[in-house]
Every structure is written in C-alpha cells, then in structure tokens.
Amino acid sequence: TVTADADGQRELLILSSEASWPEGRLQFPLADPIR
C-alpha cells in the first residue's frame, strides 16, 4: 500500500494476514515502512 503515518508523511507499507492465519488478523509490528 501507499499510505501515510499519523503526521501525513507518505510511505509504502505491506499489510498481510499471513502471520495470523486462520484468524485473519493483521499482526504488529508489520514490515518496516519505506518513506
């Protein structure tokens, strides 16, 4: 995804439900974002 942090800085971030299969929950921390 192209998203932003709470201060509006645009970044690339991967969202994945792989780590929590089969519950389907996003796990934190995710892979480090790229500004």
PDB file of all heavy atoms in Angstrom:
ATOM      1  N   THR A   1       0.810  -1.213   0.000  1.00  0.00           N
ATOM      2  CA  THR A   1       0.000   0.000   0.000  1.00  0.00           C
ATOM      3  C   THR A   1       0.847   1.270   0.000  1.00  0.00           C
ATOM      4  O   THR A   1       1.949   1.315   0.559  1.00  0.00           O
ATOM      5  CB  THR A   1      -0.917   0.049   1.239  1.00  0.00           C
ATOM      6  OG1 THR A   1      -0.112   0.214   2.415  1.00  0.00           O
ATOM      7  CG2 THR A   1      -1.741  -1.209   1.359  1.00  0.00           C
ATOM      8  N   VAL A   2       0.286   2.280  -0.638  1.00  0.00           N
ATOM      9  CA  VAL A   2       0.730   3.655  -0.435  1.00  0.00           C
ATOM     10  C   VAL A   2      -0.166   4.228   0.654  1.00  0.00           C
ATOM     11  O   VAL A   2      -1.385   4.253   0.521  1.00  0.00           O
ATOM     12  CB  VAL A   2       0.607   4.487  -1.726  1.00  0.00           C
ATOM     13  CG1 VAL A   2       0.970   5.952  -1.455  1.00  0.00           C
ATOM     14  CG2 VAL A   2       1.496   3.914  -2.817  1.00  0.00           C
ATOM     15  N   THR A   3       0.440   4.676   1.748  1.00  0.00           N
ATOM     16  CA  THR A   3      -0.328   5.201   2.859  1.00  0.00           C
ATOM     17  C   THR A   3       0.457   6.361   3.471  1.00  0.00           C
ATOM     18  O   THR A   3       1.332   6.927   2.820  1.00  0.00           O
ATOM     19  CB  THR A   3      -0.625   4.091   3.901  1.00  0.00           C
ATOM     20  OG1 THR A   3      -1.444   4.602   4.939  1.00  0.00           O
ATOM     21  CG2 THR A   3       0.640   3.490   4.471  1.00  0.00           C
ATOM     22  N   ALA A   4       0.135   6.734   4.690  1.00  0.00           N
ATOM     23  CA  ALA A   4       0.862   7.802   5.371  1.00  0.00           C
ATOM     24  C   ALA A   4       0.893   7.486   6.858  1.00  0.00           C
ATOM     25  O   ALA A   4       0.102   6.674   7.359  1.00  0.00           O
ATOM     26  CB  ALA A   4       0.194   9.152   5.122  1.00  0.00           C
ATOM     27  N   ASP A   5       1.825   8.131   7.571  1.00  0.00           N
ATOM     28  CA  ASP A   5       1.812   7.971   9.015  1.00  0.00           C
ATOM     29  C   ASP A   5       0.894   9.025   9.633  1.00  0.00           C
ATOM     30  O   ASP A   5       0.231   9.797   8.928  1.00  0.00           O
ATOM     31  CB  ASP A   5       3.225   8.026   9.591  1.00  0.00           C
ATOM     32  CG  ASP A   5       3.905   9.376   9.388  1.00  0.00           C
ATOM     33  OD1 ASP A   5       3.210  10.378   9.097  1.00  0.00           O
ATOM     34  OD2 ASP A   5       5.138   9.442   9.530  1.00  0.00           O
ATOM     35  N   ALA A   6       0.834   9.054  10.937  1.00  0.00           N
ATOM     36  CA  ALA A   6      -0.098   9.957  11.616  1.00  0.00           C
ATOM     37  C   ALA A   6       0.205  11.422  11.348  1.00  0.00           C
ATOM     38  O   ALA A   6      -0.677  12.278  11.464  1.00  0.00           O
ATOM     39  CB  ALA A   6      -0.081   9.687  13.116  1.00  0.00           C
ATOM     40  N   ASP A   7       1.464  11.732  10.962  1.00  0.00           N
ATOM     41  CA  ASP A   7       1.848  13.117  10.664  1.00  0.00           C
ATOM     42  C   ASP A   7       1.693  13.468   9.193  1.00  0.00           C
ATOM     43  O   ASP A   7       2.063  14.564   8.767  1.00  0.00           O
ATOM     44  CB  ASP A   7       3.295  13.361  11.097  1.00  0.00           C
ATOM     45  CG  ASP A   7       3.475  13.215  12.600  1.00  0.00           C
ATOM     46  OD1 ASP A   7       2.529  13.577  13.332  1.00  0.00           O
ATOM     47  OD2 ASP A   7       4.526  12.711  13.031  1.00  0.00           O
ATOM     48  N   GLY A   8       1.193  12.546   8.403  1.00  0.00           N
ATOM     49  CA  GLY A   8       0.969  12.819   6.987  1.00  0.00           C
ATOM     50  C   GLY A   8       2.126  12.467   6.088  1.00  0.00           C
ATOM     51  O   GLY A   8       2.053  12.707   4.873  1.00  0.00           O
ATOM     52  N   GLN A   9       3.216  11.904   6.615  1.00  0.00           N
ATOM     53  CA  GLN A   9       4.353  11.506   5.791  1.00  0.00           C
ATOM     54  C   GLN A   9       3.973  10.277   4.963  1.00  0.00           C
ATOM     55  O   GLN A   9       3.611   9.228   5.503  1.00  0.00           O
ATOM     56  CB  GLN A   9       5.561  11.178   6.662  1.00  0.00           C
ATOM     57  CG  GLN A   9       6.712  10.498   5.928  1.00  0.00           C
ATOM     58  CD  GLN A   9       7.331  11.362   4.860  1.00  0.00           C
ATOM     59  OE1 GLN A   9       7.683  12.510   5.134  1.00  0.00           O
ATOM     60  NE2 GLN A   9       7.457  10.837   3.636  1.00  0.00           N
ATOM     61  N   ARG A  10       4.040  10.418   3.632  1.00  0.00           N
ATOM     62  CA  ARG A  10       3.660   9.311   2.762  1.00  0.00           C
ATOM     63  C   ARG A  10       4.693   8.189   2.858  1.00  0.00           C
ATOM     64  O   ARG A  10       5.899   8.445   2.961  1.00  0.00           O
ATOM     65  CB  ARG A  10       3.518   9.790   1.314  1.00  0.00           C
ATOM     66  CG  ARG A  10       2.563   8.938   0.485  1.00  0.00           C
ATOM     67  CD  ARG A  10       2.142   9.633  -0.780  1.00  0.00           C
ATOM     68  NE  ARG A  10       3.244   9.820  -1.719  1.00  0.00           N
ATOM     69  CZ  ARG A  10       3.180   9.590  -3.041  1.00  0.00           C
ATOM     70  NH1 ARG A  10       2.047   9.162  -3.564  1.00  0.00           N
ATOM     71  NH2 ARG A  10       4.204   9.824  -3.819  1.00  0.00           N
ATOM     72  N   GLU A  11       4.208   6.953   2.792  1.00  0.00           N
ATOM     73  CA  GLU A  11       5.091   5.801   2.930  1.00  0.00           C
ATOM     74  C   GLU A  11       4.501   4.585   2.234  1.00  0.00           C
ATOM     75  O   GLU A  11       3.300   4.553   1.903  1.00  0.00           O
ATOM     76  CB  GLU A  11       5.331   5.484   4.418  1.00  0.00           C
ATOM     77  CG  GLU A  11       4.053   5.177   5.184  1.00  0.00           C
ATOM     78  CD  GLU A  11       4.273   5.028   6.690  1.00  0.00           C
ATOM     79  OE1 GLU A  11       5.315   5.505   7.178  1.00  0.00           O
ATOM     80  OE2 GLU A  11       3.412   4.432   7.359  1.00  0.00           O
ATOM     81  N   LEU A  12       5.363   3.617   2.003  1.00  0.00           N
ATOM     82  CA  LEU A  12       4.949   2.313   1.499  1.00  0.00           C
ATOM     83  C   LEU A  12       4.894   1.344   2.665  1.00  0.00           C
ATOM     84  O   LEU A  12       5.830   1.274   3.477  1.00  0.00           O
ATOM     85  CB  LEU A  12       5.931   1.798   0.448  1.00  0.00           C
ATOM     86  CG  LEU A  12       5.969   2.517  -0.895  1.00  0.00           C
ATOM     87  CD1 LEU A  12       7.071   1.929  -1.773  1.00  0.00           C
ATOM     88  CD2 LEU A  12       4.637   2.417  -1.612  1.00  0.00           C
ATOM     89  N   LEU A  13       3.816   0.586   2.740  1.00  0.00           N
ATOM     90  CA  LEU A  13       3.624  -0.337   3.855  1.00  0.00           C
ATOM     91  C   LEU A  13       2.949  -1.599   3.346  1.00  0.00           C
ATOM     92  O   LEU A  13       1.991  -1.540   2.560  1.00  0.00           O
ATOM     93  CB  LEU A  13       2.765   0.317   4.940  1.00  0.00           C
ATOM     94  CG  LEU A  13       2.542  -0.496   6.221  1.00  0.00           C
ATOM     95  CD1 LEU A  13       3.850  -0.635   6.998  1.00  0.00           C
ATOM     96  CD2 LEU A  13       1.482   0.159   7.086  1.00  0.00           C
ATOM     97  N   ILE A  14       3.446  -2.739   3.786  1.00  0.00           N
ATOM     98  CA  ILE A  14       2.827  -4.016   3.419  1.00  0.00           C
ATOM     99  C   ILE A  14       1.878  -4.439   4.529  1.00  0.00           C
ATOM    100  O   ILE A  14       2.259  -4.497   5.706  1.00  0.00           O
ATOM    101  CB  ILE A  14       3.884  -5.103   3.195  1.00  0.00           C
ATOM    102  CG1 ILE A  14       4.765  -4.752   1.989  1.00  0.00           C
ATOM    103  CG2 ILE A  14       3.217  -6.463   2.966  1.00  0.00           C
ATOM    104  CD1 ILE A  14       5.917  -5.713   1.773  1.00  0.00           C
ATOM    105  N   LEU A  15       0.641  -4.717   4.158  1.00  0.00           N
ATOM    106  CA  LEU A  15      -0.345  -5.293   5.061  1.00  0.00           C
ATOM    107  C   LEU A  15      -0.521  -6.758   4.681  1.00  0.00           C
ATOM    108  O   LEU A  15      -0.689  -7.077   3.510  1.00  0.00           O
ATOM    109  CB  LEU A  15      -1.678  -4.560   4.965  1.00  0.00           C
ATOM    110  CG  LEU A  15      -1.660  -3.049   5.187  1.00  0.00           C
ATOM    111  CD1 LEU A  15      -3.052  -2.473   4.998  1.00  0.00           C
ATOM    112  CD2 LEU A  15      -1.135  -2.724   6.573  1.00  0.00           C
ATOM    113  N   SER A  16      -0.506  -7.636   5.661  1.00  0.00           N
ATOM    114  CA  SER A  16      -0.631  -9.064   5.375  1.00  0.00           C
ATOM    115  C   SER A  16      -1.348  -9.754   6.512  1.00  0.00           C
ATOM    116  O   SER A  16      -1.127  -9.427   7.686  1.00  0.00           O
ATOM    117  CB  SER A  16       0.747  -9.700   5.183  1.00  0.00           C
ATOM    118  OG  SER A  16       0.656 -11.107   5.165  1.00  0.00           O
ATOM    119  N   SER A  17      -2.197 -10.706   6.178  1.00  0.00           N
ATOM    120  CA  SER A  17      -2.847 -11.521   7.201  1.00  0.00           C
ATOM    121  C   SER A  17      -2.185 -12.883   7.309  1.00  0.00           C
ATOM    122  O   SER A  17      -2.672 -13.761   8.009  1.00  0.00           O
ATOM    123  CB  SER A  17      -4.337 -11.690   6.880  1.00  0.00           C
ATOM    124  OG  SER A  17      -4.490 -12.350   5.635  1.00  0.00           O
ATOM    125  N   GLU A  18      -1.055 -13.057   6.611  1.00  0.00           N
ATOM    126  CA  GLU A  18      -0.397 -14.362   6.586  1.00  0.00           C
ATOM    127  C   GLU A  18      -0.020 -14.846   7.986  1.00  0.00           C
ATOM    128  O   GLU A  18      -0.252 -16.002   8.337  1.00  0.00           O
ATOM    129  CB  GLU A  18       0.871 -14.289   5.728  1.00  0.00           C
ATOM    130  CG  GLU A  18       1.684 -15.583   5.759  1.00  0.00           C
ATOM    131  CD  GLU A  18       3.134 -15.372   5.352  1.00  0.00           C
ATOM    132  OE1 GLU A  18       3.677 -14.283   5.589  1.00  0.00           O
ATOM    133  OE2 GLU A  18       3.709 -16.315   4.811  1.00  0.00           O
ATOM    134  N   ALA A  19       0.551 -13.956   8.786  1.00  0.00           N
ATOM    135  CA  ALA A  19       1.119 -14.393  10.057  1.00  0.00           C
ATOM    136  C   ALA A  19       0.076 -14.937  11.021  1.00  0.00           C
ATOM    137  O   ALA A  19       0.403 -15.723  11.906  1.00  0.00           O
ATOM    138  CB  ALA A  19       1.868 -13.228  10.701  1.00  0.00           C
ATOM    139  N   SER A  20      -1.180 -14.536  10.860  1.00  0.00           N
ATOM    140  CA  SER A  20      -2.201 -14.941  11.827  1.00  0.00           C
ATOM    141  C   SER A  20      -3.207 -15.926  11.249  1.00  0.00           C
ATOM    142  O   SER A  20      -4.242 -16.162  11.852  1.00  0.00           O
ATOM    143  CB  SER A  20      -2.956 -13.705  12.321  1.00  0.00           C
ATOM    144  OG  SER A  20      -3.677 -13.115  11.257  1.00  0.00           O
ATOM    145  N   TRP A  21      -2.911 -16.498  10.062  1.00  0.00           N
ATOM    146  CA  TRP A  21      -3.849 -17.474   9.524  1.00  0.00           C
ATOM    147  C   TRP A  21      -4.063 -18.584  10.555  1.00  0.00           C
ATOM    148  O   TRP A  21      -3.124 -19.043  11.179  1.00  0.00           O
ATOM    149  CB  TRP A  21      -3.296 -18.069   8.218  1.00  0.00           C
ATOM    150  CG  TRP A  21      -4.194 -19.105   7.661  1.00  0.00           C
ATOM    151  CD1 TRP A  21      -5.303 -18.911   6.910  1.00  0.00           C
ATOM    152  CD2 TRP A  21      -4.088 -20.520   7.855  1.00  0.00           C
ATOM    153  NE1 TRP A  21      -5.895 -20.103   6.621  1.00  0.00           N
ATOM    154  CE2 TRP A  21      -5.178 -21.101   7.196  1.00  0.00           C
ATOM    155  CE3 TRP A  21      -3.203 -21.347   8.534  1.00  0.00           C
ATOM    156  CZ2 TRP A  21      -5.391 -22.483   7.181  1.00  0.00           C
ATOM    157  CZ3 TRP A  21      -3.419 -22.719   8.528  1.00  0.00           C
ATOM    158  CH2 TRP A  21      -4.504 -23.272   7.859  1.00  0.00           C
ATOM    159  N   PRO A  22      -5.305 -19.051  10.813  1.00  0.00           N
ATOM    160  CA  PRO A  22      -6.516 -18.724  10.066  1.00  0.00           C
ATOM    161  C   PRO A  22      -7.387 -17.622  10.676  1.00  0.00           C
ATOM    162  O   PRO A  22      -8.515 -17.434  10.236  1.00  0.00           O
ATOM    163  CB  PRO A  22      -7.281 -20.047  10.097  1.00  0.00           C
ATOM    164  CG  PRO A  22      -6.942 -20.608  11.453  1.00  0.00           C
ATOM    165  CD  PRO A  22      -5.534 -20.194  11.731  1.00  0.00           C
ATOM    166  N   GLU A  23      -6.892 -16.920  11.697  1.00  0.00           N
ATOM    167  CA  GLU A  23      -7.741 -15.912  12.336  1.00  0.00           C
ATOM    168  C   GLU A  23      -7.967 -14.693  11.448  1.00  0.00           C
ATOM    169  O   GLU A  23      -8.972 -14.003  11.571  1.00  0.00           O
ATOM    170  CB  GLU A  23      -7.124 -15.459  13.662  1.00  0.00           C
ATOM    171  CG  GLU A  23      -7.171 -16.514  14.757  1.00  0.00           C
ATOM    172  CD  GLU A  23      -6.006 -17.482  14.649  1.00  0.00           C
ATOM    173  OE1 GLU A  23      -5.109 -17.238  13.799  1.00  0.00           O
ATOM    174  OE2 GLU A  23      -5.979 -18.479  15.392  1.00  0.00           O
ATOM    175  N   GLY A  24      -7.027 -14.401  10.529  1.00  0.00           N
ATOM    176  CA  GLY A  24      -7.212 -13.286   9.617  1.00  0.00           C
ATOM    177  C   GLY A  24      -6.958 -11.931  10.237  1.00  0.00           C
ATOM    178  O   GLY A  24      -7.489 -10.924   9.784  1.00  0.00           O
ATOM    179  N   ARG A  25      -6.147 -11.866  11.292  1.00  0.00           N
ATOM    180  CA  ARG A  25      -5.839 -10.587  11.927  1.00  0.00           C
ATOM    181  C   ARG A  25      -4.492 -10.068  11.429  1.00  0.00           C
ATOM    182  O   ARG A  25      -3.541 -10.826  11.262  1.00  0.00           O
ATOM    183  CB  ARG A  25      -5.774 -10.750  13.454  1.00  0.00           C
ATOM    184  CG  ARG A  25      -7.111 -11.099  14.094  1.00  0.00           C
ATOM    185  CD  ARG A  25      -6.971 -11.290  15.597  1.00  0.00           C
ATOM    186  NE  ARG A  25      -6.264 -12.541  15.892  1.00  0.00           N
ATOM    187  CZ  ARG A  25      -5.013 -12.609  16.343  1.00  0.00           C
ATOM    188  NH1 ARG A  25      -4.320 -11.499  16.521  1.00  0.00           N
ATOM    189  NH2 ARG A  25      -4.460 -13.773  16.612  1.00  0.00           N
ATOM    190  N   LEU A  26      -4.389  -8.759  11.202  1.00  0.00           N
ATOM    191  CA  LEU A  26      -3.104  -8.159  10.901  1.00  0.00           C
ATOM    192  C   LEU A  26      -2.221  -8.217  12.138  1.00  0.00           C
ATOM    193  O   LEU A  26      -2.684  -7.946  13.251  1.00  0.00           O
ATOM    194  CB  LEU A  26      -3.282  -6.711  10.444  1.00  0.00           C
ATOM    195  CG  LEU A  26      -4.020  -6.522   9.113  1.00  0.00           C
ATOM    196  CD1 LEU A  26      -4.154  -5.043   8.807  1.00  0.00           C
ATOM    197  CD2 LEU A  26      -3.300  -7.228   7.982  1.00  0.00           C
ATOM    198  N   GLN A  27      -0.963  -8.577  11.941  1.00  0.00           N
ATOM    199  CA  GLN A  27      -0.030  -8.700  13.048  1.00  0.00           C
ATOM    200  C   GLN A  27       0.871  -7.477  13.126  1.00  0.00           C
ATOM    201  O   GLN A  27       1.283  -6.933  12.103  1.00  0.00           O
ATOM    202  CB  GLN A  27       0.820  -9.962  12.884  1.00  0.00           C
ATOM    203  CG  GLN A  27       0.015 -11.256  12.983  1.00  0.00           C
ATOM    204  CD  GLN A  27      -0.541 -11.488  14.376  1.00  0.00           C
ATOM    205  OE1 GLN A  27       0.209 -11.607  15.343  1.00  0.00           O
ATOM    206  NE2 GLN A  27      -1.851 -11.560  14.492  1.00  0.00           N
ATOM    207  N   PHE A  28       1.184  -7.031  14.314  1.00  0.00           N
ATOM    208  CA  PHE A  28       2.071  -5.885  14.520  1.00  0.00           C
ATOM    209  C   PHE A  28       3.253  -6.308  15.404  1.00  0.00           C
ATOM    210  O   PHE A  28       3.093  -7.138  16.292  1.00  0.00           O
ATOM    211  CB  PHE A  28       1.309  -4.726  15.176  1.00  0.00           C
ATOM    212  CG  PHE A  28       0.251  -4.147  14.293  1.00  0.00           C
ATOM    213  CD1 PHE A  28      -1.053  -4.607  14.348  1.00  0.00           C
ATOM    214  CD2 PHE A  28       0.568  -3.155  13.370  1.00  0.00           C
ATOM    215  CE1 PHE A  28      -2.027  -4.082  13.526  1.00  0.00           C
ATOM    216  CE2 PHE A  28      -0.401  -2.630  12.546  1.00  0.00           C
ATOM    217  CZ  PHE A  28      -1.700  -3.088  12.617  1.00  0.00           C
ATOM    218  N   PRO A  29       4.480  -5.782  15.149  1.00  0.00           N
ATOM    219  CA  PRO A  29       4.740  -4.782  14.114  1.00  0.00           C
ATOM    220  C   PRO A  29       4.787  -5.411  12.724  1.00  0.00           C
ATOM    221  O   PRO A  29       5.203  -6.549  12.573  1.00  0.00           O
ATOM    222  CB  PRO A  29       6.110  -4.233  14.508  1.00  0.00           C
ATOM    223  CG  PRO A  29       6.769  -5.402  15.189  1.00  0.00           C
ATOM    224  CD  PRO A  29       5.672  -6.098  15.938  1.00  0.00           C
ATOM    225  N   LEU A  30       4.359  -4.667  11.751  1.00  0.00           N
ATOM    226  CA  LEU A  30       4.448  -5.104  10.369  1.00  0.00           C
ATOM    227  C   LEU A  30       5.869  -4.835   9.860  1.00  0.00           C
ATOM    228  O   LEU A  30       6.707  -4.289  10.572  1.00  0.00           O
ATOM    229  CB  LEU A  30       3.430  -4.349   9.516  1.00  0.00           C
ATOM    230  CG  LEU A  30       1.971  -4.568   9.922  1.00  0.00           C
ATOM    231  CD1 LEU A  30       1.073  -3.590   9.189  1.00  0.00           C
ATOM    232  CD2 LEU A  30       1.542  -5.995   9.631  1.00  0.00           C
ATOM    233  N   ALA A  31       6.134  -5.207   8.605  1.00  0.00           N
ATOM    234  CA  ALA A  31       7.426  -4.884   7.997  1.00  0.00           C
ATOM    235  C   ALA A  31       7.624  -3.371   8.039  1.00  0.00           C
ATOM    236  O   ALA A  31       6.671  -2.596   7.924  1.00  0.00           O
ATOM    237  CB  ALA A  31       7.452  -5.393   6.558  1.00  0.00           C
ATOM    238  N   ASP A  32       8.871  -2.960   8.239  1.00  0.00           N
ATOM    239  CA  ASP A  32       9.162  -1.533   8.358  1.00  0.00           C
ATOM    240  C   ASP A  32       8.686  -0.776   7.120  1.00  0.00           C
ATOM    241  O   ASP A  32       8.944  -1.202   5.985  1.00  0.00           O
ATOM    242  CB  ASP A  32      10.658  -1.311   8.536  1.00  0.00           C
ATOM    243  CG  ASP A  32      11.154  -1.809   9.885  1.00  0.00           C
ATOM    244  OD1 ASP A  32      10.319  -1.909  10.804  1.00  0.00           O
ATOM    245  OD2 ASP A  32      12.353  -2.099   9.996  1.00  0.00           O
ATOM    246  N   PRO A  33       8.001   0.348   7.313  1.00  0.00           N
ATOM    247  CA  PRO A  33       7.563   1.149   6.166  1.00  0.00           C
ATOM    248  C   PRO A  33       8.752   1.837   5.503  1.00  0.00           C
ATOM    249  O   PRO A  33       9.807   2.028   6.109  1.00  0.00           O
ATOM    250  CB  PRO A  33       6.609   2.158   6.796  1.00  0.00           C
ATOM    251  CG  PRO A  33       7.063   2.281   8.214  1.00  0.00           C
ATOM    252  CD  PRO A  33       7.575   0.931   8.600  1.00  0.00           C
ATOM    253  N   ILE A  34       8.549   2.214   4.248  1.00  0.00           N
ATOM    254  CA  ILE A  34       9.553   2.963   3.489  1.00  0.00           C
ATOM    255  C   ILE A  34       8.985   4.331   3.183  1.00  0.00           C
ATOM    256  O   ILE A  34       7.938   4.446   2.535  1.00  0.00           O
ATOM    257  CB  ILE A  34       9.926   2.223   2.193  1.00  0.00           C
ATOM    258  CG1 ILE A  34      10.620   0.900   2.529  1.00  0.00           C
ATOM    259  CG2 ILE A  34      10.827   3.095   1.309  1.00  0.00           C
ATOM    260  CD1 ILE A  34      10.987   0.080   1.312  1.00  0.00           C
ATOM    261  N   ARG A  35       9.662   5.363   3.623  1.00  0.00           N
ATOM    262  CA  ARG A  35       9.188   6.728   3.388  1.00  0.00           C
ATOM    263  C   ARG A  35       9.406   7.087   1.927  1.00  0.00           C
ATOM    264  O   ARG A  35      10.436   6.767   1.320  1.00  0.00           O
ATOM    265  CB  ARG A  35       9.937   7.712   4.288  1.00  0.00           C
ATOM    266  CG  ARG A  35       9.864   7.371   5.752  1.00  0.00           C
ATOM    267  CD  ARG A  35      10.478   8.438   6.625  1.00  0.00           C
ATOM    268  NE  ARG A  35       9.461   9.429   7.001  1.00  0.00           N
ATOM    269  CZ  ARG A  35       9.706  10.440   7.819  1.00  0.00           C
ATOM    270  NH1 ARG A  35      10.916  10.624   8.316  1.00  0.00           N
ATOM    271  NH2 ARG A  35       8.744  11.285   8.133  1.00  0.00           N
TER     272      ARG A  35
END
